[in-house]
Amino acid sequence: MPKKMVIHPMWKNNKTDLNTPSLYVTAVSHAGYVREKNEDRFIIKKFKDCSVLCAVADGLGDEGTGVYAAEIVRERLEHANLNDCLDPAGHLEHMALEMDRDIYNKSQLDHYLDGMGSTLIGVLLQDRVAYWVHVGDSRLYLYRNQELIQVTRDQTLARFLLKEGEITEKQALSHYSRHVMDQYLGCGYSEPEKGLIELKPKDMLIIATDGLHQSMDAEVISSFLLQPDSIENKVKSLLQASLNAGGQDNITIVGIDVVS
């Protein structure tokens, strides 16, 4: 890893919750019980115009290089200026493309970093709208009226094979390729997906790395969100359930409760 890049092994985000008149945001992150390092990163940031940026990044690579890639994403978002942004989704997409090229270029300059990368789910909450960008297999969920909706679609080989008719939807559920990403920041040719959600009171958004959805299905996630509890406790319960299921991977969850 480049000598100039210093990453503390016990990294912790300095903000794990944020409260505004219309939103409550909370986050948890855990290395799990198998991986030595937590290569996930997250950010919760409020801007002067009262918009809020939430994001998760899941680092990819051997021997800790994924930590470096995810840290690049976190730092870039930490220093982003999205005040009064006129095209939030487009701006997030542009940032994702820049990070893809930056991480890729760094990997080409140092053979030790070859193959490093990161997923990204970035959500800007502005004026009751959630603008999002997505690369990889981390996920954004919307929980509305007791229904869990998967907003993003995993950018995996399974999705490509399904589109090409090489496998069926039933086969895709257990096919090895569901764990093989064909898009990530650092591949050098990523195609970020973007969109927006018009938010309603009592909506919840869940942003999570694959450590969550690999350990439990949507029905189980929904059962935790249904409980009459705070978003903070719901997110902690999801984390604990994922750990109880084996904690095979790093797990990071950001929960957003739309109060009004």
C-alpha atoms as a PDB file:
ATOM      1  CA  MET A   1       0.000   0.000   0.000  1.00  0.00           C
ATOM      2  CA  PRO A   2       1.380   3.464  -0.787  1.00  0.00           C
ATOM      3  CA  LYS A   3       3.463   4.725   2.149  1.00  0.00           C
ATOM      4  CA  LYS A   4       1.746   8.112   2.081  1.00  0.00           C
ATOM      5  CA  MET A   5      -1.644   6.507   2.778  1.00  0.00           C
ATOM      6  CA  VAL A   6      -2.099   5.874   6.497  1.00  0.00           C
ATOM      7  CA  ILE A   7      -5.213   3.956   7.492  1.00  0.00           C
ATOM      8  CA  HIS A   8      -5.901   3.180  11.117  1.00  0.00           C
ATOM      9  CA  PRO A   9      -7.082  -0.435  11.596  1.00  0.00           C
ATOM     10  CA  MET A  10      -9.676   0.654  14.180  1.00  0.00           C
ATOM     11  CA  TRP A  11     -11.205   3.289  11.883  1.00  0.00           C
ATOM     12  CA  LYS A  12     -14.464   4.715  13.138  1.00  0.00           C
ATOM     13  CA  ASN A  13     -16.586   7.372  11.498  1.00  0.00           C
ATOM     14  CA  ASN A  14     -16.767  10.465  13.692  1.00  0.00           C
ATOM     15  CA  LYS A  15     -20.516  10.815  13.128  1.00  0.00           C
ATOM     16  CA  THR A  16     -22.826   7.828  13.522  1.00  0.00           C
ATOM     17  CA  ASP A  17     -26.117   9.689  13.821  1.00  0.00           C
ATOM     18  CA  LEU A  18     -27.702  12.928  12.748  1.00  0.00           C
ATOM     19  CA  ASN A  19     -31.003  14.507  13.722  1.00  0.00           C
ATOM     20  CA  THR A  20     -32.862  17.184  11.728  1.00  0.00           C
ATOM     21  CA  PRO A  21     -36.478  18.372  11.975  1.00  0.00           C
ATOM     22  CA  SER A  22     -37.468  15.995   9.156  1.00  0.00           C
ATOM     23  CA  LEU A  23     -34.914  13.169   9.356  1.00  0.00           C
ATOM     24  CA  TYR A  24     -33.166  10.911  11.803  1.00  0.00           C
ATOM     25  CA  VAL A  25     -30.094   9.143  10.454  1.00  0.00           C
ATOM     26  CA  THR A  26     -28.044   6.473  12.195  1.00  0.00           C
ATOM     27  CA  ALA A  27     -25.293   4.053  11.186  1.00  0.00           C
ATOM     28  CA  VAL A  28     -23.437   0.973  12.415  1.00  0.00           C
ATOM     29  CA  SER A  29     -20.434  -0.884  11.026  1.00  0.00           C
ATOM     30  CA  HIS A  30     -18.762  -4.121  12.084  1.00  0.00           C
ATOM     31  CA  ALA A  31     -15.936  -6.234  10.662  1.00  0.00           C
ATOM     32  CA  GLY A  32     -17.887  -9.443  11.288  1.00  0.00           C
ATOM     33  CA  TYR A  33     -16.416 -12.581  12.818  1.00  0.00           C
ATOM     34  CA  VAL A  34     -14.355 -13.840   9.869  1.00  0.00           C
ATOM     35  CA  ARG A  35     -12.591 -10.894   8.238  1.00  0.00           C
ATOM     36  CA  GLU A  36      -9.591  -9.402  10.038  1.00  0.00           C
ATOM     37  CA  LYS A  37     -10.263  -5.882   8.777  1.00  0.00           C
ATOM     38  CA  ASN A  38     -13.354  -3.811   8.221  1.00  0.00           C
ATOM     39  CA  GLU A  39     -13.033  -2.626   4.629  1.00  0.00           C
ATOM     40  CA  ASP A  40     -16.427  -0.878   4.723  1.00  0.00           C
ATOM     41  CA  ARG A  41     -16.712   2.880   5.070  1.00  0.00           C
ATOM     42  CA  PHE A  42     -19.699   5.147   5.554  1.00  0.00           C
ATOM     43  CA  ILE A  43     -20.441   8.835   5.774  1.00  0.00           C
ATOM     44  CA  ILE A  44     -23.231  10.988   7.186  1.00  0.00           C
ATOM     45  CA  LYS A  45     -22.788  14.655   6.338  1.00  0.00           C
ATOM     46  CA  LYS A  46     -25.058  17.695   6.651  1.00  0.00           C
ATOM     47  CA  PHE A  47     -24.606  20.716   4.384  1.00  0.00           C
ATOM     48  CA  LYS A  48     -25.368  24.369   5.004  1.00  0.00           C
ATOM     49  CA  ASP A  49     -28.537  24.166   2.911  1.00  0.00           C
ATOM     50  CA  CYS A  50     -29.739  21.410   5.313  1.00  0.00           C
ATOM     51  CA  SER A  51     -29.381  18.654   2.724  1.00  0.00           C
ATOM     52  CA  VAL A  52     -27.824  15.435   4.039  1.00  0.00           C
ATOM     53  CA  LEU A  53     -25.422  13.068   2.284  1.00  0.00           C
ATOM     54  CA  CYS A  54     -25.354   9.411   3.350  1.00  0.00           C
ATOM     55  CA  ALA A  55     -23.174   6.786   1.712  1.00  0.00           C
ATOM     56  CA  VAL A  56     -21.571   3.381   2.138  1.00  0.00           C
ATOM     57  CA  ALA A  57     -18.534   1.973   0.364  1.00  0.00           C
ATOM     58  CA  ASP A  58     -17.385  -1.661   0.484  1.00  0.00           C
ATOM     59  CA  GLY A  59     -13.710  -2.039  -0.345  1.00  0.00           C
ATOM     60  CA  LEU A  60     -12.566  -4.788  -2.727  1.00  0.00           C
ATOM     61  CA  GLY A  61      -9.102  -6.216  -3.114  1.00  0.00           C
ATOM     62  CA  ASP A  62      -6.480  -8.506  -1.640  1.00  0.00           C
ATOM     63  CA  GLU A  63      -4.292  -7.891   1.392  1.00  0.00           C
ATOM     64  CA  GLY A  64      -6.174  -4.828   2.565  1.00  0.00           C
ATOM     65  CA  THR A  65      -6.069  -2.846  -0.669  1.00  0.00           C
ATOM     66  CA  GLY A  66      -9.851  -2.611  -0.512  1.00  0.00           C
ATOM     67  CA  VAL A  67      -9.444  -0.468   2.603  1.00  0.00           C
ATOM     68  CA  TYR A  68      -7.458   2.001   0.541  1.00  0.00           C
ATOM     69  CA  ALA A  69     -10.096   2.155  -2.214  1.00  0.00           C
ATOM     70  CA  ALA A  70     -12.990   2.578   0.228  1.00  0.00           C
ATOM     71  CA  GLU A  71     -11.042   5.263   2.069  1.00  0.00           C
ATOM     72  CA  ILE A  72     -10.568   7.171  -1.189  1.00  0.00           C
ATOM     73  CA  VAL A  73     -14.345   7.103  -1.663  1.00  0.00           C
ATOM     74  CA  ARG A  74     -15.025   8.211   1.911  1.00  0.00           C
ATOM     75  CA  GLU A  75     -12.551  11.094   1.759  1.00  0.00           C
ATOM     76  CA  ARG A  76     -13.859  12.284  -1.610  1.00  0.00           C
ATOM     77  CA  LEU A  77     -17.423  12.347  -0.292  1.00  0.00           C
ATOM     78  CA  GLU A  78     -16.320  13.931   2.981  1.00  0.00           C
ATOM     79  CA  HIS A  79     -14.930  16.899   1.059  1.00  0.00           C
ATOM     80  CA  ALA A  80     -17.752  17.113  -1.482  1.00  0.00           C
ATOM     81  CA  ASN A  81     -19.652  20.383  -1.723  1.00  0.00           C
ATOM     82  CA  LEU A  82     -23.278  19.702  -2.593  1.00  0.00           C
ATOM     83  CA  ASN A  83     -24.808  22.908  -1.246  1.00  0.00           C
ATOM     84  CA  ASP A  84     -27.732  24.094  -3.391  1.00  0.00           C
ATOM     85  CA  CYS A  85     -26.954  21.469  -6.039  1.00  0.00           C
ATOM     86  CA  LEU A  86     -29.251  21.887  -9.056  1.00  0.00           C
ATOM     87  CA  ASP A  87     -28.782  18.341 -10.395  1.00  0.00           C
ATOM     88  CA  PRO A  88     -28.036  16.170  -7.347  1.00  0.00           C
ATOM     89  CA  ALA A  89     -28.287  12.771  -9.032  1.00  0.00           C
ATOM     90  CA  GLY A  90     -26.195  13.948 -11.981  1.00  0.00           C
ATOM     91  CA  HIS A  91     -23.584  15.414  -9.659  1.00  0.00           C
ATOM     92  CA  LEU A  92     -23.378  12.170  -7.668  1.00  0.00           C
ATOM     93  CA  GLU A  93     -23.006  10.235 -10.917  1.00  0.00           C
ATOM     94  CA  HIS A  94     -20.191  12.536 -12.044  1.00  0.00           C
ATOM     95  CA  MET A  95     -18.414  12.063  -8.715  1.00  0.00           C
ATOM     96  CA  ALA A  96     -18.733   8.279  -9.030  1.00  0.00           C
ATOM     97  CA  LEU A  97     -17.187   8.342 -12.503  1.00  0.00           C
ATOM     98  CA  GLU A  98     -14.312  10.497 -11.248  1.00  0.00           C
ATOM     99  CA  MET A  99     -13.682   8.129  -8.335  1.00  0.00           C
ATOM    100  CA  ASP A 100     -13.751   5.151 -10.703  1.00  0.00           C
ATOM    101  CA  ARG A 101     -11.050   6.693 -12.867  1.00  0.00           C
ATOM    102  CA  ASP A 102      -9.010   7.858  -9.877  1.00  0.00           C
ATOM    103  CA  ILE A 103      -8.977   4.463  -8.162  1.00  0.00           C
ATOM    104  CA  TYR A 104      -8.260   2.696 -11.450  1.00  0.00           C
ATOM    105  CA  ASN A 105      -5.350   5.025 -12.256  1.00  0.00           C
ATOM    106  CA  LYS A 106      -3.846   4.504  -8.815  1.00  0.00           C
ATOM    107  CA  SER A 107      -4.094   0.735  -9.251  1.00  0.00           C
ATOM    108  CA  GLN A 108      -2.222   0.958 -12.562  1.00  0.00           C
ATOM    109  CA  LEU A 109       0.645   2.920 -11.013  1.00  0.00           C
ATOM    110  CA  ASP A 110       1.341   0.364  -8.272  1.00  0.00           C
ATOM    111  CA  HIS A 111       1.112  -3.387  -8.943  1.00  0.00           C
ATOM    112  CA  TYR A 112       0.387  -3.944  -5.245  1.00  0.00           C
ATOM    113  CA  LEU A 113      -2.918  -2.132  -5.742  1.00  0.00           C
ATOM    114  CA  ASP A 114      -3.924  -4.075  -8.861  1.00  0.00           C
ATOM    115  CA  GLY A 115      -7.588  -5.060  -8.735  1.00  0.00           C
ATOM    116  CA  MET A 116      -8.571  -2.828  -5.848  1.00  0.00           C
ATOM    117  CA  GLY A 117     -11.981  -1.193  -5.937  1.00  0.00           C
ATOM    118  CA  SER A 118     -15.075  -0.262  -3.996  1.00  0.00           C
ATOM    119  CA  THR A 119     -18.827  -0.351  -4.198  1.00  0.00           C
ATOM    120  CA  LEU A 120     -20.851   2.812  -3.645  1.00  0.00           C
ATOM    121  CA  ILE A 121     -24.333   3.752  -2.595  1.00  0.00           C
ATOM    122  CA  GLY A 122     -24.607   7.530  -2.231  1.00  0.00           C
ATOM    123  CA  VAL A 123     -27.855   9.244  -1.243  1.00  0.00           C
ATOM    124  CA  LEU A 124     -28.413  13.002  -1.044  1.00  0.00           C
ATOM    125  CA  LEU A 125     -31.528  13.929   0.923  1.00  0.00           C
ATOM    126  CA  GLN A 126     -32.769  17.304  -0.234  1.00  0.00           C
ATOM    127  CA  ASP A 127     -36.221  18.888   0.031  1.00  0.00           C
ATOM    128  CA  ARG A 128     -38.062  15.592   0.719  1.00  0.00           C
ATOM    129  CA  VAL A 129     -36.317  13.850  -2.174  1.00  0.00           C
ATOM    130  CA  ALA A 130     -33.624  11.166  -1.982  1.00  0.00           C
ATOM    131  CA  TYR A 131     -31.262  11.370  -4.954  1.00  0.00           C
ATOM    132  CA  TRP A 132     -29.110   8.262  -5.267  1.00  0.00           C
ATOM    133  CA  VAL A 133     -26.184   6.802  -7.175  1.00  0.00           C
ATOM    134  CA  HIS A 134     -25.140   3.149  -7.184  1.00  0.00           C
ATOM    135  CA  VAL A 135     -22.151   1.091  -8.322  1.00  0.00           C
ATOM    136  CA  GLY A 136     -21.570  -2.538  -7.300  1.00  0.00           C
ATOM    137  CA  ASP A 137     -23.593  -4.767  -5.005  1.00  0.00           C
ATOM    138  CA  SER A 138     -24.254  -2.664  -1.936  1.00  0.00           C
ATOM    139  CA  ARG A 139     -27.957  -1.888  -1.717  1.00  0.00           C
ATOM    140  CA  LEU A 140     -30.503   0.848  -1.123  1.00  0.00           C
ATOM    141  CA  TYR A 141     -33.890  -0.187   0.264  1.00  0.00           C
ATOM    142  CA  LEU A 142     -37.092   1.802   0.759  1.00  0.00           C
ATOM    143  CA  TYR A 143     -39.439   0.675   3.531  1.00  0.00           C
ATOM    144  CA  ARG A 144     -42.904   2.170   2.991  1.00  0.00           C
ATOM    145  CA  ASN A 145     -46.309   1.062   4.274  1.00  0.00           C
ATOM    146  CA  GLN A 146     -44.804  -2.122   5.756  1.00  0.00           C
ATOM    147  CA  GLU A 147     -43.310  -3.101   2.388  1.00  0.00           C
ATOM    148  CA  LEU A 148     -39.586  -3.407   1.710  1.00  0.00           C
ATOM    149  CA  ILE A 149     -38.576  -2.315  -1.795  1.00  0.00           C
ATOM    150  CA  GLN A 150     -35.093  -2.957  -3.169  1.00  0.00           C
ATOM    151  CA  VAL A 151     -34.371   0.264  -5.050  1.00  0.00           C
ATOM    152  CA  THR A 152     -30.985  -0.643  -6.538  1.00  0.00           C
ATOM    153  CA  ARG A 153     -30.102  -3.749  -8.509  1.00  0.00           C
ATOM    154  CA  ASP A 154     -26.813  -5.542  -7.891  1.00  0.00           C
ATOM    155  CA  GLN A 155     -24.333  -4.974 -10.720  1.00  0.00           C
ATOM    156  CA  THR A 156     -23.168  -8.575 -10.850  1.00  0.00           C
ATOM    157  CA  LEU A 157     -22.351 -11.188 -13.441  1.00  0.00           C
ATOM    158  CA  ALA A 158     -25.608 -12.950 -12.542  1.00  0.00           C
ATOM    159  CA  ARG A 159     -27.587  -9.882 -13.539  1.00  0.00           C
ATOM    160  CA  PHE A 160     -25.724  -9.765 -16.868  1.00  0.00           C
ATOM    161  CA  LEU A 161     -26.247 -13.483 -17.516  1.00  0.00           C
ATOM    162  CA  LEU A 162     -29.922 -13.155 -16.665  1.00  0.00           C
ATOM    163  CA  LYS A 163     -30.296 -10.255 -19.076  1.00  0.00           C
ATOM    164  CA  GLU A 164     -28.557 -12.269 -21.797  1.00  0.00           C
ATOM    165  CA  GLY A 165     -30.825 -15.262 -21.176  1.00  0.00           C
ATOM    166  CA  GLU A 166     -27.952 -17.494 -20.069  1.00  0.00           C
ATOM    167  CA  ILE A 167     -29.601 -18.275 -16.715  1.00  0.00           C
ATOM    168  CA  THR A 168     -33.146 -18.106 -15.363  1.00  0.00           C
ATOM    169  CA  GLU A 169     -34.383 -15.967 -12.481  1.00  0.00           C
ATOM    170  CA  LYS A 170     -34.584 -19.081 -10.332  1.00  0.00           C
ATOM    171  CA  GLN A 171     -31.008 -20.050 -11.197  1.00  0.00           C
ATOM    172  CA  ALA A 172     -29.802 -16.523 -10.482  1.00  0.00           C
ATOM    173  CA  LEU A 173     -30.822 -16.886  -6.817  1.00  0.00           C
ATOM    174  CA  SER A 174     -28.157 -19.519  -6.181  1.00  0.00           C
ATOM    175  CA  HIS A 175     -25.759 -19.125  -9.115  1.00  0.00           C
ATOM    176  CA  TYR A 176     -22.110 -18.481  -8.190  1.00  0.00           C
ATOM    177  CA  SER A 177     -22.112 -15.383 -10.400  1.00  0.00           C
ATOM    178  CA  ARG A 178     -24.387 -13.503  -7.991  1.00  0.00           C
ATOM    179  CA  HIS A 179     -21.229 -12.833  -5.948  1.00  0.00           C
ATOM    180  CA  VAL A 180     -19.154 -11.705  -8.952  1.00  0.00           C
ATOM    181  CA  MET A 181     -19.381  -7.986  -9.638  1.00  0.00           C
ATOM    182  CA  ASP A 182     -19.016  -6.691 -13.163  1.00  0.00           C
ATOM    183  CA  GLN A 183     -19.184  -3.058 -12.027  1.00  0.00           C
ATOM    184  CA  TYR A 184     -17.319  -1.330  -9.197  1.00  0.00           C
ATOM    185  CA  LEU A 185     -15.411   1.879  -8.597  1.00  0.00           C
ATOM    186  CA  GLY A 186     -11.904   1.184  -9.830  1.00  0.00           C
ATOM    187  CA  CYS A 187     -12.708  -1.137 -12.720  1.00  0.00           C
ATOM    188  CA  GLY A 188     -12.127   1.800 -15.060  1.00  0.00           C
ATOM    189  CA  TYR A 189     -15.357   1.372 -16.996  1.00  0.00           C
ATOM    190  CA  SER A 190     -18.061   1.630 -14.338  1.00  0.00           C
ATOM    191  CA  GLU A 191     -21.560   2.682 -15.361  1.00  0.00           C
ATOM    192  CA  PRO A 192     -23.176   4.250 -12.293  1.00  0.00           C
ATOM    193  CA  GLU A 193     -26.935   3.950 -11.960  1.00  0.00           C
ATOM    194  CA  LYS A 194     -28.899   6.848 -10.489  1.00  0.00           C
ATOM    195  CA  GLY A 195     -32.409   7.828  -9.565  1.00  0.00           C
ATOM    196  CA  LEU A 196     -34.589   9.611  -7.058  1.00  0.00           C
ATOM    197  CA  ILE A 197     -37.264   8.806  -4.505  1.00  0.00           C
ATOM    198  CA  GLU A 198     -39.922  11.295  -3.482  1.00  0.00           C
ATOM    199  CA  LEU A 199     -40.091  10.767   0.255  1.00  0.00           C
ATOM    200  CA  LYS A 200     -43.177  10.564   2.430  1.00  0.00           C
ATOM    201  CA  PRO A 201     -43.520  10.826   6.218  1.00  0.00           C
ATOM    202  CA  LYS A 202     -42.796   7.492   7.956  1.00  0.00           C
ATOM    203  CA  ASP A 203     -40.662   6.250   5.053  1.00  0.00           C
ATOM    204  CA  MET A 204     -37.422   4.525   5.977  1.00  0.00           C
ATOM    205  CA  LEU A 205     -34.330   4.103   3.843  1.00  0.00           C
ATOM    206  CA  ILE A 206     -31.725   1.432   4.467  1.00  0.00           C
ATOM    207  CA  ILE A 207     -28.301   1.643   2.843  1.00  0.00           C
ATOM    208  CA  ALA A 208     -26.179  -1.440   3.395  1.00  0.00           C
ATOM    209  CA  THR A 209     -23.142  -3.354   2.206  1.00  0.00           C
ATOM    210  CA  ASP A 210     -23.579  -6.958   1.111  1.00  0.00           C
ATOM    211  CA  GLY A 211     -22.733  -8.291   4.559  1.00  0.00           C
ATOM    212  CA  LEU A 212     -26.389  -7.637   5.387  1.00  0.00           C
ATOM    213  CA  HIS A 213     -28.259  -9.078   2.424  1.00  0.00           C
ATOM    214  CA  GLN A 214     -25.959 -12.091   2.115  1.00  0.00           C
ATOM    215  CA  SER A 215     -26.892 -13.097   5.659  1.00  0.00           C
ATOM    216  CA  MET A 216     -30.662 -12.588   5.478  1.00  0.00           C
ATOM    217  CA  ASP A 217     -33.375 -12.182   2.871  1.00  0.00           C
ATOM    218  CA  ALA A 218     -35.732  -9.262   2.358  1.00  0.00           C
ATOM    219  CA  GLU A 219     -38.497 -10.834   4.423  1.00  0.00           C
ATOM    220  CA  VAL A 220     -36.264 -11.022   7.496  1.00  0.00           C
ATOM    221  CA  ILE A 221     -35.006  -7.451   7.020  1.00  0.00           C
ATOM    222  CA  SER A 222     -38.598  -6.273   6.727  1.00  0.00           C
ATOM    223  CA  SER A 223     -39.561  -8.042   9.972  1.00  0.00           C
ATOM    224  CA  PHE A 224     -37.019  -5.978  11.902  1.00  0.00           C
ATOM    225  CA  LEU A 225     -38.156  -2.711  10.325  1.00  0.00           C
ATOM    226  CA  LEU A 226     -41.744  -3.516  11.241  1.00  0.00           C
ATOM    227  CA  GLN A 227     -40.975  -3.469  14.964  1.00  0.00           C
ATOM    228  CA  PRO A 228     -42.279  -0.466  16.975  1.00  0.00           C
ATOM    229  CA  ASP A 229     -38.850   0.840  17.838  1.00  0.00           C
ATOM    230  CA  SER A 230     -36.473   3.662  16.939  1.00  0.00           C
ATOM    231  CA  ILE A 231     -34.518   3.525  13.684  1.00  0.00           C
ATOM    232  CA  GLU A 232     -31.356   3.374  15.784  1.00  0.00           C
ATOM    233  CA  ASN A 233     -32.483   0.204  17.549  1.00  0.00           C
ATOM    234  CA  LYS A 234     -33.773  -1.325  14.333  1.00  0.00           C
ATOM    235  CA  VAL A 235     -30.407  -0.853  12.648  1.00  0.00           C
ATOM    236  CA  LYS A 236     -28.581  -2.279  15.677  1.00  0.00           C
ATOM    237  CA  SER A 237     -30.928  -5.277  15.654  1.00  0.00           C
ATOM    238  CA  LEU A 238     -30.248  -5.885  11.960  1.00  0.00           C
ATOM    239  CA  LEU A 239     -26.521  -5.797  12.627  1.00  0.00           C
ATOM    240  CA  GLN A 240     -26.807  -8.223  15.525  1.00  0.00           C
ATOM    241  CA  ALA A 241     -28.977 -10.598  13.491  1.00  0.00           C
ATOM    242  CA  SER A 242     -26.408 -10.560  10.700  1.00  0.00           C
ATOM    243  CA  LEU A 243     -23.659 -11.357  13.212  1.00  0.00           C
ATOM    244  CA  ASN A 244     -25.777 -14.122  14.715  1.00  0.00           C
ATOM    245  CA  ALA A 245     -26.075 -15.606  11.228  1.00  0.00           C
ATOM    246  CA  GLY A 246     -22.305 -16.041  11.178  1.00  0.00           C
ATOM    247  CA  GLY A 247     -20.857 -12.579  10.475  1.00  0.00           C
ATOM    248  CA  GLN A 248     -19.111 -13.896   7.380  1.00  0.00           C
ATOM    249  CA  ASP A 249     -18.440 -10.441   5.928  1.00  0.00           C
ATOM    250  CA  ASN A 250     -18.060  -6.817   6.940  1.00  0.00           C
ATOM    251  CA  ILE A 251     -21.459  -5.291   7.677  1.00  0.00           C
ATOM    252  CA  THR A 252     -22.368  -1.625   7.414  1.00  0.00           C
ATOM    253  CA  ILE A 253     -25.914  -0.272   7.667  1.00  0.00           C
ATOM    254  CA  VAL A 254     -27.158   3.310   7.446  1.00  0.00           C
ATOM    255  CA  GLY A 255     -30.793   3.835   8.467  1.00  0.00           C
ATOM    256  CA  ILE A 256     -32.798   6.935   7.573  1.00  0.00           C
ATOM    257  CA  ASP A 257     -36.151   7.653   9.204  1.00  0.00           C
ATOM    258  CA  VAL A 258     -38.299  10.279   7.496  1.00  0.00           C
ATOM    259  CA  VAL A 259     -40.004  11.967  10.427  1.00  0.00           C
ATOM    260  CA  SER A 260     -42.021  14.554   8.529  1.00  0.00           C
END
